[in-house]
Amino acid sequence: MTMLLERAGAALGEQPTNPVVKLTIVEGCGVGQSWELSGPMSSIGRGWKNNVVLDFGDQTVHRDHHAALEIDGRTFRVHDVRRGNPVLVNGEVVDRPREVTLGDRICVGLTTLRLDPV
């Protein structure tokens, strides 16, 4: 699944200038922190190489890429990039790319993020 990030064609840490969506921590460590994203693929994890760095003390989030948010126009998909601690969307395990909409809750480790408009 890590290949998914490489195929996206964007270097990690680089985001085009016009954000289209925002991830906001609503539960767990770092509540209130948010990231504006524009795609095409944004990695989520605890390590500094991720686009969304969840380094607020939740050790259940993988250091490397734990999850990814794919942005394809106005369509958003969550990917579980690493097996181990599951990624959940609205309480359901993500076992294949899953389409999400604004307001959906994405749980990575013990941290819950909400997909918000910019």
Protein backbone atom coordinates (compact mmCIF):
# COMPACT_ATOMS: atom_id res chain seq x y z
CA MET A 1 0.00 0.00 0.00
CA THR A 2 2.94 2.36 0.50
CA MET A 3 3.33 2.35 -3.30
CA LEU A 4 0.07 4.26 -3.45
CA LEU A 5 1.83 7.35 -2.10
CA GLU A 6 4.69 7.02 -4.56
CA ARG A 7 2.34 6.64 -7.53
CA ALA A 8 0.50 9.81 -6.60
CA GLY A 9 3.41 11.76 -8.08
CA ALA A 10 3.64 14.37 -5.34
CA ALA A 11 6.68 14.59 -3.13
CA LEU A 12 5.76 14.21 0.52
CA GLY A 13 5.59 17.54 2.23
CA GLU A 14 4.62 19.35 -0.99
CA GLN A 15 1.07 20.56 -1.46
CA PRO A 16 -0.27 22.65 -4.34
CA THR A 17 -1.20 26.16 -3.24
CA ASN A 18 -5.02 26.02 -3.30
CA PRO A 19 -6.31 23.85 -0.43
CA VAL A 20 -9.66 22.18 -1.04
CA VAL A 21 -10.26 20.42 2.28
CA LYS A 22 -9.11 20.50 5.88
CA LEU A 23 -8.47 17.77 8.47
CA THR A 24 -9.13 18.86 12.05
CA ILE A 25 -8.37 16.85 15.20
CA VAL A 26 -11.63 16.57 17.15
CA GLU A 27 -10.71 13.84 19.68
CA GLY A 28 -7.44 12.67 21.21
CA CYS A 29 -4.06 14.35 21.44
CA GLY A 30 -3.80 17.70 19.64
CA VAL A 31 -7.51 18.63 19.62
CA GLY A 32 -8.08 21.72 17.49
CA GLN A 33 -5.03 21.31 15.26
CA SER A 34 -5.85 21.32 11.54
CA TRP A 35 -4.20 20.95 8.15
CA GLU A 36 -5.41 22.41 4.86
CA LEU A 37 -4.81 19.95 2.02
CA SER A 38 -5.03 20.02 -1.74
CA GLY A 39 -3.81 16.61 -2.86
CA PRO A 40 -3.50 14.53 -4.85
CA MET A 41 -2.43 12.30 -1.93
CA SER A 42 -1.67 13.40 1.63
CA SER A 43 -0.01 10.99 4.04
CA ILE A 44 -1.04 10.84 7.70
CA GLY A 45 1.27 9.58 10.45
CA ARG A 46 3.40 10.51 13.44
CA GLY A 47 6.70 11.06 11.60
CA TRP A 48 7.90 14.32 10.03
CA LYS A 49 7.79 12.87 6.49
CA ASN A 50 3.99 12.92 6.51
CA ASN A 51 1.82 15.74 5.18
CA VAL A 52 -0.37 15.48 8.30
CA VAL A 53 1.99 14.97 11.25
CA LEU A 54 0.18 13.64 14.33
CA ASP A 55 3.07 14.08 16.76
CA PHE A 56 1.03 15.06 19.80
CA GLY A 57 1.74 11.98 21.93
CA ASP A 58 -0.53 9.30 20.43
CA GLN A 59 1.91 6.39 20.19
CA THR A 60 -0.74 4.23 18.46
CA VAL A 61 -0.25 6.28 15.26
CA HIS A 62 2.49 4.82 13.08
CA ARG A 63 5.59 6.95 12.61
CA ASP A 64 5.65 6.19 8.89
CA HIS A 65 2.55 6.53 6.76
CA HIS A 66 -0.41 5.17 8.72
CA ALA A 67 -3.16 6.45 6.43
CA ALA A 68 -3.60 8.66 3.39
CA LEU A 69 -6.24 11.03 2.08
CA GLU A 70 -6.66 11.01 -1.68
CA ILE A 71 -8.10 14.14 -3.27
CA ASP A 72 -9.52 13.77 -6.78
CA GLY A 73 -11.38 16.95 -7.62
CA ARG A 74 -14.23 17.05 -5.07
CA THR A 75 -13.98 13.32 -4.34
CA PHE A 76 -12.07 12.26 -1.22
CA ARG A 77 -10.89 8.75 -0.31
CA VAL A 78 -9.21 7.43 2.82
CA HIS A 79 -6.60 4.67 2.49
CA ASP A 80 -5.24 2.47 5.28
CA VAL A 81 -1.58 2.46 4.25
CA ARG A 82 -0.19 0.26 7.05
CA ARG A 83 -1.69 -2.78 8.60
CA GLY A 84 -1.62 -2.83 12.37
CA ASN A 85 -3.76 -0.32 14.19
CA PRO A 86 -6.74 0.05 11.87
CA VAL A 87 -8.01 3.25 10.29
CA LEU A 88 -11.72 3.85 10.87
CA VAL A 89 -14.22 6.09 9.09
CA ASN A 90 -17.31 6.85 11.16
CA GLY A 91 -16.53 3.79 13.30
CA GLU A 92 -16.07 1.35 10.39
CA VAL A 93 -12.72 -0.26 9.53
CA VAL A 94 -11.16 0.87 6.25
CA ASP A 95 -10.05 -2.31 4.47
CA ARG A 96 -9.93 -0.80 0.97
CA PRO A 97 -9.98 2.81 -0.30
CA ARG A 98 -13.11 4.39 1.12
CA GLU A 99 -14.88 7.47 -0.17
CA VAL A 100 -15.52 10.09 2.51
CA THR A 101 -17.50 13.32 2.59
CA LEU A 102 -17.27 16.55 4.55
CA GLY A 103 -18.09 15.98 8.22
CA ASP A 104 -16.91 12.35 8.24
CA ARG A 105 -14.69 11.27 11.13
CA ILE A 106 -11.41 9.49 10.40
CA CYS A 107 -9.81 7.66 13.32
CA VAL A 108 -6.05 7.03 13.12
CA GLY A 109 -4.77 5.32 16.27
CA LEU A 110 -6.54 7.04 19.16
CA THR A 111 -6.78 10.33 17.25
CA THR A 112 -10.00 11.32 15.48
CA LEU A 113 -9.91 13.81 12.60
CA ARG A 114 -12.89 15.39 10.87
CA LEU A 115 -12.96 16.21 7.16
CA ASP A 116 -13.92 19.89 6.97
CA PRO A 117 -14.33 22.48 4.21
CA VAL A 118 -11.57 25.08 3.94
